[in-house]
Amino acid sequence: MKKTISIDHLARIEGNGSLIATIDGQVVTEVKFLINEGPRLIERLAVGKTPEEDVSLAPRICAICTLSHKNAVIRAMENALEIKVPPKITLLRELMHLGEFIESHSLHLYYLALPDYVGFPNAIAMASRFPFEVKIALEMKQFGNHIMKVLSGRFIHGENPVIGGFGRYPTKEELMFIKARAIQFMPFVHKTTELFCSLPYPDIPEEETIFACCEPGNGQYGLWGDEILVSTGEKIYRDDYPKLTNEFLVPHSTAKRSRYQGRTYTVGAQARINLLGERLKGEAEKMFRRFYNDRWKRNPLFQNPAQAIEIMYCFERIPEVIDEIFKYPQDPGIVSYTIKNGKGTGLVEAPRGLLIHHYEIKDGRITYADIITPTAQNADEIERYCLLAAQKLLEQGKEELIKDRLELIVRAFDPCVSCSAHLVEVRKIEENDWPKKLEQIRATNPIIIGLGSLGHGDDEAGLLVVTHLKRNGYVEAYWEEEVIDDETFWTKAEDHPIIFVDVLNFGAEAGKVTLIPLNHLLWNTSLTHRLMPTLLAWLTPEMIKKSYFLGIQPASLKANHLSSPVFEAIKKIVNGLKK
């Protein structure tokens, strides 16, 4: 019998993607990694623009990897226009690139990946048990943002880096602060690397693959170069990049795919560590030699510890770069150029992997543009590893683990869907048959907890539901203030599903009701709701998995009286629970 496992919204990735696995008997016949956003149009928009215009335009493909795109397009234009910049400019570009790596890797590791391994749906829920880790991530992210702002002019889409140089150079004081802060961070960097290199990564899936990254040259670890290094031993010159990427289309995705010699391949931190790890120095080298093993070559989940080692590399490299910058006290002017025709390719390592920008210029205008992003290259690899995992778990009789494992794999690749499509799509919760669902849950004797604020109109709806239930003899109904610090209650609650009741703005008509898993609410950042940290602190991962949220769309949260639609919704909920 054929059936499908569908993940309609992949939580905790950048952008909007989904996954579908098709199972026929004991065979996984297909896995599709769907990019659900419109196709990118930046390449077409670039045609007819000047090189300077495109340096501002092209990074708009993504607000997450903006400086990687900035560096790539600048390198491509300078190669096409035969511009050579002084060493100080190259060093400053490297510094801002390191800032983006710190910001991106810390966000992914702590906020997107770690909750999977400690049993929480997101970092907010995780914060009550792991406040130190969440604080480290936030401070690292802020530090990376600070570096980007100083060098590029602002956190996102900065315009300070230009072809041939910078509009403004950082002061000595600004650079000294960055250096000192990087050194101060090292104890936390050690903790980060220890944590992510020591996590118990599952051994499904594991299979050999091909890796590709930039060849920095001179036997160095680095984040850009003029050649692509492939784990087969081949080196590909920058302008010959199609020998690696071989882009093609699939009907279920708006992003192109890539295969090298007919085989899927991996780009990203795992590729860089596998191909360049022996070149690391200092503390990053020690961590590499301590934790690295052959599983890093086969298991995509080791993207996570690879990123952690790269965070250490970045923090160690920052003081070195700044010391080298200080060797050039004079700020060079922007390098001018006279050539109006040419072809050029820029290769850089974005946090998620190899990023390629290629342009052709005639009479000072762009006639052709090609941008190949890391996620587009990884997409086929994601599908392959998901299929391998699903098939292995199915053979072991562990079908119930497939969905969670597939999400774990996709998140490990840290896909940036935005690079290959548009950035944001706002969705409303679909209406559901909540009375029927509520009846099914009621058979399991759920505990009802009403949330809200008395005397605040619609915002007291959850409390009023509990009030009416109490009057009707429903024993397991409580106001939130009754249970927040009651240890005996939470011990008892471990054996029952919990339904939290409150108003929820999910974009529907006033009085509409939705009943959703609590996980859904915690994952979905487009929904507005406050769930008190004091409540979350008592919820174990297992309790979260079996808990629900019963939300009522308010008419207004500003009025001091209960609206008629919300009052009618309260009556329906109470009737449904007391049957």
Protein backbone atom coordinates (compact mmCIF):
# COMPACT_ATOMS: atom_id res chain seq x y z
CA MET A 1 0.00 0.00 0.00
CA LYS A 2 1.37 3.37 -1.02
CA LYS A 3 1.45 6.25 1.48
CA THR A 4 3.25 9.52 1.98
CA ILE A 5 5.00 11.26 4.83
CA SER A 6 4.57 14.98 4.34
CA ILE A 7 6.29 17.83 6.17
CA ASP A 8 4.34 20.79 4.86
CA HIS A 9 6.47 23.39 6.59
CA LEU A 10 10.07 22.67 7.49
CA ALA A 11 10.53 24.51 10.78
CA ARG A 12 13.73 26.30 11.73
CA ILE A 13 15.21 26.79 8.29
CA GLU A 14 15.77 30.05 6.41
CA GLY A 15 12.85 30.44 4.00
CA ASN A 16 9.88 28.34 2.98
CA GLY A 17 10.47 24.70 2.10
CA SER A 18 8.72 21.36 2.55
CA LEU A 19 9.47 17.66 2.18
CA ILE A 20 7.46 14.69 0.90
CA ALA A 21 8.53 11.05 1.19
CA THR A 22 6.58 8.37 -0.70
CA ILE A 23 6.52 4.81 0.68
CA ASP A 24 5.28 1.82 -1.28
CA GLY A 25 5.13 -1.21 1.00
CA GLN A 26 8.63 -1.53 2.40
CA VAL A 27 10.28 0.71 -0.19
CA VAL A 28 10.82 4.48 -0.08
CA THR A 29 10.20 5.28 -3.72
CA GLU A 30 10.77 9.02 -3.70
CA VAL A 31 11.77 11.99 -1.57
CA LYS A 32 11.11 15.53 -2.76
CA PHE A 33 12.65 18.63 -1.17
CA LEU A 34 10.26 21.32 -2.33
CA ILE A 35 11.15 25.00 -2.61
CA ASN A 36 7.78 26.66 -2.16
CA GLU A 37 8.73 30.21 -3.07
CA GLY A 38 8.80 32.08 -6.35
CA PRO A 39 11.88 31.81 -8.59
CA ARG A 40 14.67 34.34 -8.08
CA LEU A 41 14.82 37.07 -10.71
CA ILE A 42 18.05 38.80 -9.72
CA GLU A 43 20.00 37.42 -12.69
CA ARG A 44 17.50 38.85 -15.17
CA LEU A 45 17.30 42.15 -13.31
CA ALA A 46 21.09 42.48 -13.44
CA VAL A 47 21.14 42.51 -17.24
CA GLY A 48 21.52 46.07 -18.49
CA LYS A 49 22.84 47.38 -15.17
CA THR A 50 26.29 48.82 -14.59
CA PRO A 51 28.73 46.81 -12.46
CA GLU A 52 28.30 49.32 -9.63
CA GLU A 53 24.51 49.00 -9.75
CA ASP A 54 24.74 45.22 -9.61
CA VAL A 55 27.00 45.32 -6.54
CA SER A 56 24.01 46.92 -4.76
CA LEU A 57 21.37 44.78 -6.51
CA ALA A 58 22.77 41.23 -6.37
CA PRO A 59 23.08 40.94 -2.55
CA ARG A 60 19.34 41.66 -2.33
CA ILE A 61 18.87 38.03 -3.32
CA CYS A 62 19.18 37.30 0.40
CA ALA A 63 19.18 39.27 3.65
CA ILE A 64 20.83 36.37 5.48
CA CYS A 65 24.01 35.86 3.40
CA THR A 66 24.16 39.46 2.21
CA LEU A 67 27.93 39.94 2.66
CA SER A 68 28.77 36.63 1.03
CA HIS A 69 26.88 37.81 -2.04
CA LYS A 70 28.52 41.24 -1.76
CA ASN A 71 32.01 39.71 -1.69
CA ALA A 72 31.18 37.30 -4.52
CA VAL A 73 29.80 39.95 -6.87
CA ILE A 74 32.68 42.33 -6.12
CA ARG A 75 35.25 39.59 -6.79
CA ALA A 76 33.48 38.71 -10.04
CA MET A 77 33.40 42.34 -11.22
CA GLU A 78 37.03 42.98 -10.29
CA ASN A 79 38.08 39.84 -12.17
CA ALA A 80 36.05 40.91 -15.22
CA LEU A 81 37.38 44.48 -15.13
CA GLU A 82 40.97 43.46 -14.27
CA ILE A 83 41.04 45.44 -11.03
CA LYS A 84 43.69 44.66 -8.42
CA VAL A 85 43.06 46.01 -4.93
CA PRO A 86 45.67 46.71 -2.21
CA PRO A 87 46.16 44.13 0.60
CA LYS A 88 44.39 46.27 3.19
CA ILE A 89 41.15 46.14 1.22
CA THR A 90 41.34 42.36 0.92
CA LEU A 91 41.95 42.03 4.67
CA LEU A 92 38.99 44.26 5.54
CA ARG A 93 36.74 42.24 3.24
CA GLU A 94 37.91 39.08 4.99
CA LEU A 95 37.10 40.63 8.37
CA MET A 96 33.53 41.45 7.40
CA HIS A 97 33.18 37.94 5.94
CA LEU A 98 34.29 36.43 9.26
CA GLY A 99 31.62 38.52 11.01
CA GLU A 100 28.92 37.05 8.79
CA PHE A 101 30.16 33.50 9.49
CA ILE A 102 29.98 34.08 13.25
CA GLU A 103 26.50 35.56 13.03
CA SER A 104 25.15 32.85 10.73
CA HIS A 105 26.78 29.82 12.36
CA SER A 106 25.80 30.82 15.90
CA LEU A 107 22.21 31.41 14.79
CA HIS A 108 22.00 28.04 13.08
CA LEU A 109 23.72 25.97 15.74
CA TYR A 110 22.01 27.31 18.83
CA TYR A 111 18.63 28.50 17.61
CA LEU A 112 17.87 26.20 14.67
CA ALA A 113 19.78 22.95 15.28
CA LEU A 114 20.34 22.51 19.04
CA PRO A 115 16.65 22.27 20.05
CA ASP A 116 16.46 18.99 18.10
CA TYR A 117 19.13 17.41 20.28
CA VAL A 118 17.80 18.55 23.65
CA GLY A 119 14.13 17.83 22.97
CA PHE A 120 12.60 21.28 22.50
CA PRO A 121 10.71 22.76 19.53
CA ASN A 122 12.70 26.01 19.47
CA ALA A 123 15.21 28.15 21.33
CA ILE A 124 12.53 30.11 23.21
CA ALA A 125 11.17 26.94 24.73
CA MET A 126 14.74 25.74 25.32
CA ALA A 127 15.77 28.92 27.15
CA SER A 128 14.19 27.89 30.45
CA ARG A 129 16.49 24.83 30.66
CA PHE A 130 19.51 26.14 28.76
CA PRO A 131 19.68 29.88 29.48
CA PHE A 132 23.49 30.01 29.27
CA GLU A 133 23.60 28.48 25.79
CA VAL A 134 20.87 30.79 24.50
CA LYS A 135 22.73 33.80 25.93
CA ILE A 136 26.01 32.72 24.27
CA ALA A 137 24.25 32.43 20.92
CA LEU A 138 22.66 35.85 21.24
CA GLU A 139 25.94 37.55 22.16
CA MET A 140 27.84 35.80 19.37
CA LYS A 141 25.18 36.81 16.86
CA GLN A 142 25.31 40.42 18.07
CA PHE A 143 29.11 40.44 17.78
CA GLY A 144 28.94 39.17 14.21
CA ASN A 145 26.35 41.83 13.41
CA HIS A 146 28.59 44.50 14.94
CA ILE A 147 31.51 43.51 12.68
CA MET A 148 29.26 43.60 9.62
CA LYS A 149 27.89 47.02 10.56
CA VAL A 150 31.33 48.53 11.11
CA LEU A 151 32.67 47.23 7.78
CA SER A 152 29.62 47.36 5.51
CA GLY A 153 27.70 50.27 7.02
CA ARG A 154 24.73 48.35 8.42
CA PHE A 155 23.77 44.83 9.48
CA ILE A 156 21.91 43.97 6.28
CA HIS A 157 22.60 45.12 2.72
CA GLY A 158 25.38 47.51 3.66
CA GLU A 159 26.65 49.71 0.84
CA ASN A 160 30.12 50.57 2.18
CA PRO A 161 32.01 47.83 0.25
CA VAL A 162 32.31 48.82 -3.43
CA ILE A 163 34.25 47.74 -6.50
CA GLY A 164 37.85 48.74 -5.84
CA GLY A 165 37.61 49.42 -2.11
CA PHE A 166 35.46 50.89 0.63
CA GLY A 167 33.52 54.12 0.94
CA ARG A 168 34.61 54.51 4.57
CA TYR A 169 37.37 52.75 6.47
CA PRO A 170 36.99 51.66 10.10
CA THR A 171 38.90 53.60 12.71
CA LYS A 172 41.72 52.11 14.74
CA GLU A 173 39.51 52.27 17.82
CA GLU A 174 36.75 50.29 16.09
CA LEU A 175 39.19 47.61 15.01
CA MET A 176 40.80 47.40 18.46
CA PHE A 177 37.38 46.87 20.04
CA ILE A 178 36.62 44.02 17.62
CA LYS A 179 39.99 42.40 18.32
CA ALA A 180 39.60 42.65 22.10
CA ARG A 181 36.05 41.35 22.00
CA ALA A 182 37.08 38.36 19.87
CA ILE A 183 39.77 37.44 22.41
CA GLN A 184 37.33 37.83 25.31
CA PHE A 185 34.90 35.44 23.61
CA MET A 186 37.30 32.49 23.47
CA PRO A 187 36.05 30.69 26.64
CA PHE A 188 32.53 30.71 25.18
CA VAL A 189 33.86 29.61 21.79
CA HIS A 190 35.53 26.62 23.47
CA LYS A 191 32.23 25.74 25.13
CA THR A 192 30.40 25.99 21.81
CA THR A 193 32.86 23.71 20.03
CA GLU A 194 32.90 21.18 22.87
CA LEU A 195 29.11 21.10 22.94
CA PHE A 196 28.43 20.56 19.25
CA CYS A 197 31.32 18.20 18.66
CA SER A 198 30.15 16.02 21.56
CA LEU A 199 26.45 15.68 20.70
CA PRO A 200 25.25 12.10 20.02
CA TYR A 201 24.62 12.29 16.27
CA PRO A 202 22.53 9.33 15.00
CA ASP A 203 24.23 6.95 12.57
CA ILE A 204 21.32 7.07 10.12
CA PRO A 205 21.97 8.16 7.42
CA GLU A 206 25.61 7.45 6.65
CA GLU A 207 27.02 7.02 3.15
CA GLU A 208 30.03 8.35 1.27
CA THR A 209 29.57 11.44 -0.88
CA ILE A 210 31.51 14.08 -2.80
CA PHE A 211 32.52 17.40 -1.23
CA ALA A 212 33.41 20.70 -2.90
CA CYS A 213 34.69 24.05 -1.64
CA CYS A 214 36.94 26.96 -2.58
CA GLU A 215 40.67 26.32 -2.72
CA PRO A 216 42.14 29.26 -0.75
CA GLY A 217 45.67 28.50 -1.93
CA ASN A 218 49.03 28.59 -0.15
CA GLY A 219 48.03 25.63 2.01
CA GLN A 220 45.71 27.87 4.05
CA TYR A 221 42.23 27.45 5.49
CA GLY A 222 40.13 30.24 4.00
CA LEU A 223 36.78 31.45 2.74
CA TRP A 224 37.44 32.26 -0.90
CA GLY A 225 39.79 31.49 -3.79
CA ASP A 226 40.18 31.24 -7.55
CA GLU A 227 39.71 27.48 -7.78
CA ILE A 228 37.16 24.90 -6.64
CA LEU A 229 38.58 21.89 -4.78
CA VAL A 230 36.64 18.63 -5.17
CA SER A 231 37.11 15.59 -2.93
CA THR A 232 37.79 13.49 -6.06
CA GLY A 233 41.10 15.36 -6.30
CA GLU A 234 40.04 17.61 -9.19
CA LYS A 235 40.62 21.35 -9.10
CA ILE A 236 38.38 23.53 -11.25
CA TYR A 237 39.35 27.09 -12.24
CA ARG A 238 36.80 29.73 -11.31
CA ASP A 239 35.56 30.41 -14.86
CA ASP A 240 35.09 26.67 -15.46
CA TYR A 241 32.64 26.28 -12.56
CA PRO A 242 29.93 24.68 -14.79
CA LYS A 243 32.12 21.54 -14.79
CA LEU A 244 31.06 21.17 -11.14
CA THR A 245 27.55 22.60 -11.04
CA ASN A 246 25.88 21.32 -14.26
CA GLU A 247 22.60 23.02 -13.31
CA PHE A 248 19.25 21.47 -14.24
CA LEU A 249 15.57 21.87 -13.39
CA VAL A 250 13.15 19.58 -11.56
CA PRO A 251 9.36 19.99 -11.76
CA HIS A 252 8.79 20.10 -7.99
CA SER A 253 11.12 23.01 -7.18
CA THR A 254 11.63 26.63 -8.21
CA ALA A 255 15.37 26.31 -7.47
CA LYS A 256 17.78 24.72 -9.93
CA ARG A 257 19.76 21.60 -8.96
CA SER A 258 23.40 20.66 -9.44
CA ARG A 259 25.25 17.37 -9.94
CA TYR A 260 28.94 16.71 -10.47
CA GLN A 261 29.58 13.99 -13.06
CA GLY A 262 26.03 12.78 -12.50
CA ARG A 263 26.40 12.52 -8.71
CA THR A 264 25.03 14.63 -5.88
CA TYR A 265 27.59 16.50 -3.77
CA THR A 266 27.82 18.50 -0.56
CA VAL A 267 28.98 22.07 0.02
CA GLY A 268 29.18 23.88 3.35
CA ALA A 269 31.10 23.66 6.60
CA GLN A 270 31.30 19.87 6.44
CA ALA A 271 32.89 20.08 2.97
CA ARG A 272 35.37 22.72 4.11
CA ILE A 273 36.41 20.75 7.20
CA ASN A 274 36.76 17.51 5.25
CA LEU A 275 38.83 19.13 2.49
CA LEU A 276 40.73 21.83 4.41
CA GLY A 277 40.64 20.70 8.05
CA GLU A 278 44.27 19.58 8.06
CA ARG A 279 45.22 23.21 7.38
CA LEU A 280 43.67 24.56 10.59
CA LYS A 281 45.92 26.07 13.22
CA GLY A 282 45.73 27.00 16.91
CA GLU A 283 42.78 25.92 19.02
CA ALA A 284 40.68 25.10 15.94
CA GLU A 285 43.33 22.58 14.89
CA LYS A 286 43.30 21.00 18.36
CA MET A 287 39.53 20.62 18.26
CA PHE A 288 39.69 19.20 14.74
CA ARG A 289 42.26 16.57 15.70
CA ARG A 290 40.36 15.72 18.88
CA PHE A 291 36.90 15.20 17.38
CA TYR A 292 37.31 14.53 13.65
CA ASN A 293 36.76 10.99 12.39
CA ASP A 294 35.57 9.17 9.27
CA ARG A 295 31.88 9.67 10.15
CA TRP A 296 32.34 13.33 9.19
CA LYS A 297 32.78 12.12 5.59
CA ARG A 298 29.55 10.09 5.54
CA ASN A 299 26.98 11.67 7.83
CA PRO A 300 25.35 15.03 6.93
CA LEU A 301 24.53 15.72 10.59
CA PHE A 302 28.22 16.53 11.05
CA GLN A 303 27.57 19.83 9.32
CA ASN A 304 26.81 20.99 12.88
CA PRO A 305 30.16 20.26 14.57
CA ALA A 306 31.93 21.45 11.41
CA GLN A 307 30.24 24.84 11.84
CA ALA A 308 31.29 24.89 15.50
CA ILE A 309 34.95 24.39 14.57
CA GLU A 310 34.59 27.15 11.99
CA ILE A 311 33.30 29.50 14.66
CA MET A 312 36.53 28.87 16.55
CA TYR A 313 38.52 29.43 13.36
CA CYS A 314 36.78 32.79 12.84
CA PHE A 315 37.37 34.02 16.39
CA GLU A 316 41.05 33.05 16.19
CA ARG A 317 41.46 34.58 12.75
CA ILE A 318 39.96 37.99 13.63
CA PRO A 319 42.88 39.22 15.82
CA GLU A 320 45.34 38.01 13.16
CA VAL A 321 43.54 39.86 10.39
CA ILE A 322 43.33 43.08 12.41
CA ASP A 323 47.04 42.92 13.26
CA GLU A 324 47.77 42.57 9.54
CA ILE A 325 45.49 45.50 8.77
CA PHE A 326 47.46 47.67 11.21
CA LYS A 327 50.57 47.09 9.05
CA TYR A 328 48.94 49.38 6.47
CA PRO A 329 48.25 52.67 8.30
CA GLN A 330 47.19 54.55 5.16
CA ASP A 331 43.66 54.06 3.84
CA PRO A 332 43.84 53.46 0.08
CA GLY A 333 41.43 55.22 -2.23
CA ILE A 334 38.90 53.39 -4.37
CA VAL A 335 40.71 51.79 -7.30
CA SER A 336 39.47 53.20 -10.60
CA TYR A 337 39.20 51.27 -13.86
CA THR A 338 38.87 51.98 -17.58
CA ILE A 339 38.06 48.55 -19.05
CA LYS A 340 34.42 48.30 -20.16
CA ASN A 341 34.26 44.73 -21.47
CA GLY A 342 35.03 41.40 -19.83
CA LYS A 343 33.92 38.18 -18.15
CA GLY A 344 34.50 37.38 -14.50
CA THR A 345 33.63 34.85 -11.82
CA GLY A 346 33.69 35.34 -8.06
CA LEU A 347 34.03 32.30 -5.79
CA VAL A 348 33.45 32.63 -2.05
CA GLU A 349 32.41 30.35 0.76
CA ALA A 350 29.10 31.53 2.18
CA PRO A 351 28.30 30.07 5.63
CA ARG A 352 26.20 27.41 3.86
CA GLY A 353 28.78 26.61 1.22
CA LEU A 354 30.25 27.45 -2.18
CA LEU A 355 28.69 30.58 -3.73
CA ILE A 356 29.35 31.49 -7.35
CA HIS A 357 28.69 34.78 -9.16
CA HIS A 358 29.52 35.07 -12.87
CA TYR A 359 29.02 38.12 -15.11
CA GLU A 360 29.67 39.18 -18.68
CA ILE A 361 30.05 42.91 -19.39
CA LYS A 362 29.95 44.78 -22.68
CA ASP A 363 30.28 48.55 -23.12
CA GLY A 364 30.02 49.01 -19.35
CA ARG A 365 26.74 47.10 -19.02
CA ILE A 366 26.00 43.56 -17.85
CA THR A 367 24.87 41.27 -20.66
CA TYR A 368 24.76 37.98 -18.73
CA ALA A 369 24.54 36.98 -15.06
CA ASP A 370 24.69 33.60 -13.35
CA ILE A 371 24.35 33.06 -9.59
CA ILE A 372 24.66 29.58 -8.09
CA THR A 373 23.90 29.33 -4.39
CA PRO A 374 24.93 26.69 -1.83
CA THR A 375 21.39 25.50 -1.15
CA ALA A 376 20.74 24.97 -4.87
CA GLN A 377 23.84 22.75 -4.97
CA ASN A 378 22.85 20.87 -1.80
CA ALA A 379 19.20 20.32 -2.74
CA ASP A 380 19.71 17.00 -4.53
CA GLU A 381 22.03 15.85 -1.74
CA ILE A 382 19.34 16.64 0.84
CA GLU A 383 16.85 14.46 -1.04
CA ARG A 384 19.37 11.61 -1.34
CA TYR A 385 20.25 11.54 2.35
CA CYS A 386 16.59 11.82 3.35
CA LEU A 387 15.72 8.86 1.14
CA LEU A 388 18.59 6.81 2.59
CA ALA A 389 17.46 7.60 6.14
CA ALA A 390 13.79 6.87 5.46
CA GLN A 391 14.60 3.53 3.80
CA LYS A 392 16.93 2.42 6.59
CA LEU A 393 14.46 3.31 9.34
CA LEU A 394 11.65 1.61 7.43
CA GLU A 395 13.72 -1.59 7.16
CA GLN A 396 14.40 -1.46 10.90
CA GLY A 397 10.68 -1.16 11.67
CA LYS A 398 11.10 2.40 12.94
CA GLU A 399 8.70 4.19 10.61
CA GLU A 400 7.58 6.45 13.47
CA LEU A 401 11.09 8.01 13.51
CA ILE A 402 11.18 8.91 9.82
CA LYS A 403 9.54 12.32 9.95
CA ASP A 404 11.72 13.65 12.78
CA ARG A 405 14.88 12.26 11.18
CA LEU A 406 14.15 13.91 7.85
CA GLU A 407 13.71 17.27 9.54
CA LEU A 408 16.98 16.72 11.41
CA ILE A 409 18.81 16.13 8.12
CA VAL A 410 17.35 19.15 6.35
CA ARG A 411 18.18 21.45 9.27
CA ALA A 412 21.75 20.13 9.43
CA PHE A 413 22.32 21.40 5.89
CA ASP A 414 21.16 24.83 7.13
CA PRO A 415 19.39 25.53 3.82
CA CYS A 416 18.87 29.15 2.83
CA VAL A 417 15.81 28.95 0.61
CA SER A 418 15.80 32.74 0.37
CA CYS A 419 18.96 32.72 -1.75
CA SER A 420 17.12 30.88 -4.49
CA ALA A 421 13.77 32.61 -4.18
CA HIS A 422 11.90 35.42 -2.45
CA LEU A 423 12.42 36.07 1.23
CA VAL A 424 9.11 36.09 3.10
CA GLU A 425 5.69 34.52 2.71
CA VAL A 426 3.00 35.11 5.34
CA ARG A 427 0.51 32.30 5.87
CA LYS A 428 -2.58 31.96 8.01
CA ILE A 429 -3.44 28.83 9.94
CA GLU A 430 -5.86 26.77 7.93
CA GLU A 431 -9.28 26.30 9.46
CA ASN A 432 -9.80 22.89 10.96
CA ASP A 433 -12.61 20.78 12.36
CA TRP A 434 -11.74 21.71 15.94
CA PRO A 435 -14.92 20.34 17.61
CA LYS A 436 -14.17 16.86 16.27
CA LYS A 437 -10.53 17.08 17.33
CA LEU A 438 -11.53 18.39 20.74
CA GLU A 439 -13.90 15.46 21.20
CA GLN A 440 -11.08 13.02 20.43
CA ILE A 441 -8.70 14.70 22.89
CA ARG A 442 -11.42 14.92 25.56
CA ALA A 443 -11.55 11.11 25.64
CA THR A 444 -7.99 11.14 27.05
CA ASN A 445 -9.00 13.30 30.09
CA PRO A 446 -6.97 16.39 29.25
CA ILE A 447 -6.02 19.11 31.69
CA ILE A 448 -7.35 22.53 30.70
CA ILE A 449 -5.29 25.63 31.55
CA GLY A 450 -6.81 29.03 30.85
CA LEU A 451 -4.46 31.90 29.99
CA GLY A 452 -5.15 35.61 29.82
CA SER A 453 -5.79 38.78 31.81
CA LEU A 454 -8.94 39.45 33.83
CA GLY A 455 -10.72 42.69 33.05
CA HIS A 456 -9.08 43.05 29.63
CA GLY A 457 -11.95 42.23 27.29
CA ASP A 458 -11.23 39.46 24.81
CA ASP A 459 -7.92 38.72 26.51
CA GLU A 460 -9.75 37.09 29.43
CA ALA A 461 -11.35 34.46 27.17
CA GLY A 462 -9.13 31.59 28.32
CA LEU A 463 -9.82 32.38 31.98
CA LEU A 464 -13.58 32.54 31.32
CA VAL A 465 -13.54 29.12 29.66
CA VAL A 466 -12.00 27.66 32.82
CA THR A 467 -14.46 29.56 35.03
CA HIS A 468 -17.44 28.04 33.20
CA LEU A 469 -15.88 24.58 33.25
CA LYS A 470 -15.35 24.78 37.00
CA ARG A 471 -19.01 25.73 37.46
CA ASN A 472 -20.01 22.71 35.40
CA GLY A 473 -17.91 20.34 37.51
CA TYR A 474 -14.97 19.84 35.15
CA VAL A 475 -12.32 18.81 37.70
CA GLU A 476 -9.09 19.27 35.70
CA ALA A 477 -9.55 22.92 34.74
CA TYR A 478 -7.20 25.62 36.09
CA TRP A 479 -6.31 29.26 35.71
CA GLU A 480 -2.64 29.79 34.88
CA GLU A 481 -1.97 31.51 38.22
CA GLU A 482 -3.09 28.36 40.05
CA VAL A 483 -0.44 26.14 38.47
CA ILE A 484 2.60 28.24 37.62
CA ASP A 485 4.64 27.28 40.69
CA ASP A 486 2.75 24.20 41.82
CA GLU A 487 5.28 21.36 41.60
CA THR A 488 2.67 18.77 42.62
CA PHE A 489 0.44 19.83 39.74
CA TRP A 490 3.19 19.52 37.12
CA THR A 491 4.14 16.08 38.39
CA LYS A 492 0.53 14.98 37.91
CA ALA A 493 0.35 16.73 34.53
CA GLU A 494 3.09 14.52 33.11
CA ASP A 495 0.51 11.76 32.68
CA HIS A 496 -2.12 13.83 30.82
CA PRO A 497 -2.34 15.91 27.66
CA ILE A 498 -2.73 19.64 28.34
CA ILE A 499 -4.91 22.07 26.42
CA PHE A 500 -3.95 25.73 26.83
CA VAL A 501 -6.84 28.09 26.05
CA ASP A 502 -6.35 31.72 25.12
CA VAL A 503 -6.94 34.27 22.39
CA LEU A 504 -4.66 33.90 19.37
CA ASN A 505 -4.27 36.23 16.42
CA PHE A 506 -4.11 33.88 13.44
CA GLY A 507 -5.60 36.24 10.89
CA ALA A 508 -9.17 34.90 10.93
CA GLU A 509 -12.58 36.45 11.63
CA ALA A 510 -13.30 37.32 15.26
CA GLY A 511 -14.58 34.32 17.18
CA LYS A 512 -12.98 31.70 14.94
CA VAL A 513 -11.43 28.81 16.88
CA THR A 514 -8.39 26.71 16.04
CA LEU A 515 -7.01 23.69 17.88
CA ILE A 516 -3.36 23.01 17.11
CA PRO A 517 -0.49 21.06 18.68
CA LEU A 518 1.51 23.20 21.07
CA ASN A 519 4.60 22.42 18.97
CA HIS A 520 2.91 24.14 16.03
CA LEU A 521 2.45 27.32 18.01
CA LEU A 522 6.03 27.34 19.29
CA TRP A 523 7.47 26.64 15.82
CA ASN A 524 5.37 29.16 13.91
CA THR A 525 6.88 32.61 14.38
CA SER A 526 4.22 34.21 12.14
CA LEU A 527 1.63 33.68 14.88
CA THR A 528 1.38 36.24 17.64
CA HIS A 529 1.04 34.90 21.16
CA ARG A 530 2.75 35.06 24.51
CA LEU A 531 3.23 31.82 26.37
CA MET A 532 4.74 32.72 29.71
CA PRO A 533 8.35 31.52 30.21
CA THR A 534 7.30 30.49 33.72
CA LEU A 535 4.89 28.00 32.17
CA LEU A 536 7.34 26.77 29.58
CA ALA A 537 9.88 26.13 32.33
CA TRP A 538 7.65 23.39 33.74
CA LEU A 539 6.98 21.67 30.41
CA THR A 540 9.22 18.75 29.50
CA PRO A 541 9.78 17.88 25.82
CA GLU A 542 7.40 14.94 26.17
CA MET A 543 4.70 17.15 27.67
CA ILE A 544 5.09 19.66 24.84
CA LYS A 545 4.66 16.89 22.25
CA LYS A 546 1.27 15.83 23.65
CA SER A 547 -0.06 19.30 24.52
CA TYR A 548 -2.40 21.48 22.48
CA PHE A 549 -3.35 25.10 22.10
CA LEU A 550 -7.00 26.10 21.71
CA GLY A 551 -6.97 29.58 20.26
CA ILE A 552 -9.80 32.08 19.75
CA GLN A 553 -9.40 34.90 17.24
CA PRO A 554 -10.05 38.14 19.19
CA ALA A 555 -12.00 41.08 17.84
CA SER A 556 -9.69 43.44 19.72
CA LEU A 557 -7.21 43.33 22.58
CA LYS A 558 -7.65 47.02 23.34
CA ALA A 559 -11.35 47.08 24.28
CA ASN A 560 -12.20 46.58 27.96
CA HIS A 561 -15.30 44.48 27.27
CA LEU A 562 -15.73 40.97 25.90
CA SER A 563 -16.79 40.99 22.24
CA SER A 564 -19.87 39.08 21.11
CA PRO A 565 -17.98 36.74 18.68
CA VAL A 566 -15.51 35.71 21.40
CA PHE A 567 -18.35 35.18 23.89
CA GLU A 568 -20.06 32.81 21.43
CA ALA A 569 -16.77 30.96 20.89
CA ILE A 570 -16.37 30.48 24.66
CA LYS A 571 -19.85 28.89 24.85
CA LYS A 572 -19.01 26.48 22.03
CA ILE A 573 -15.73 25.44 23.67
CA VAL A 574 -17.34 24.89 27.07
CA ASN A 575 -20.14 22.82 25.52
CA GLY A 576 -17.58 20.76 23.64
CA LEU A 577 -15.58 20.01 26.78
CA LYS A 578 -18.46 19.20 29.14
CA LYS A 579 -20.20 16.70 26.84
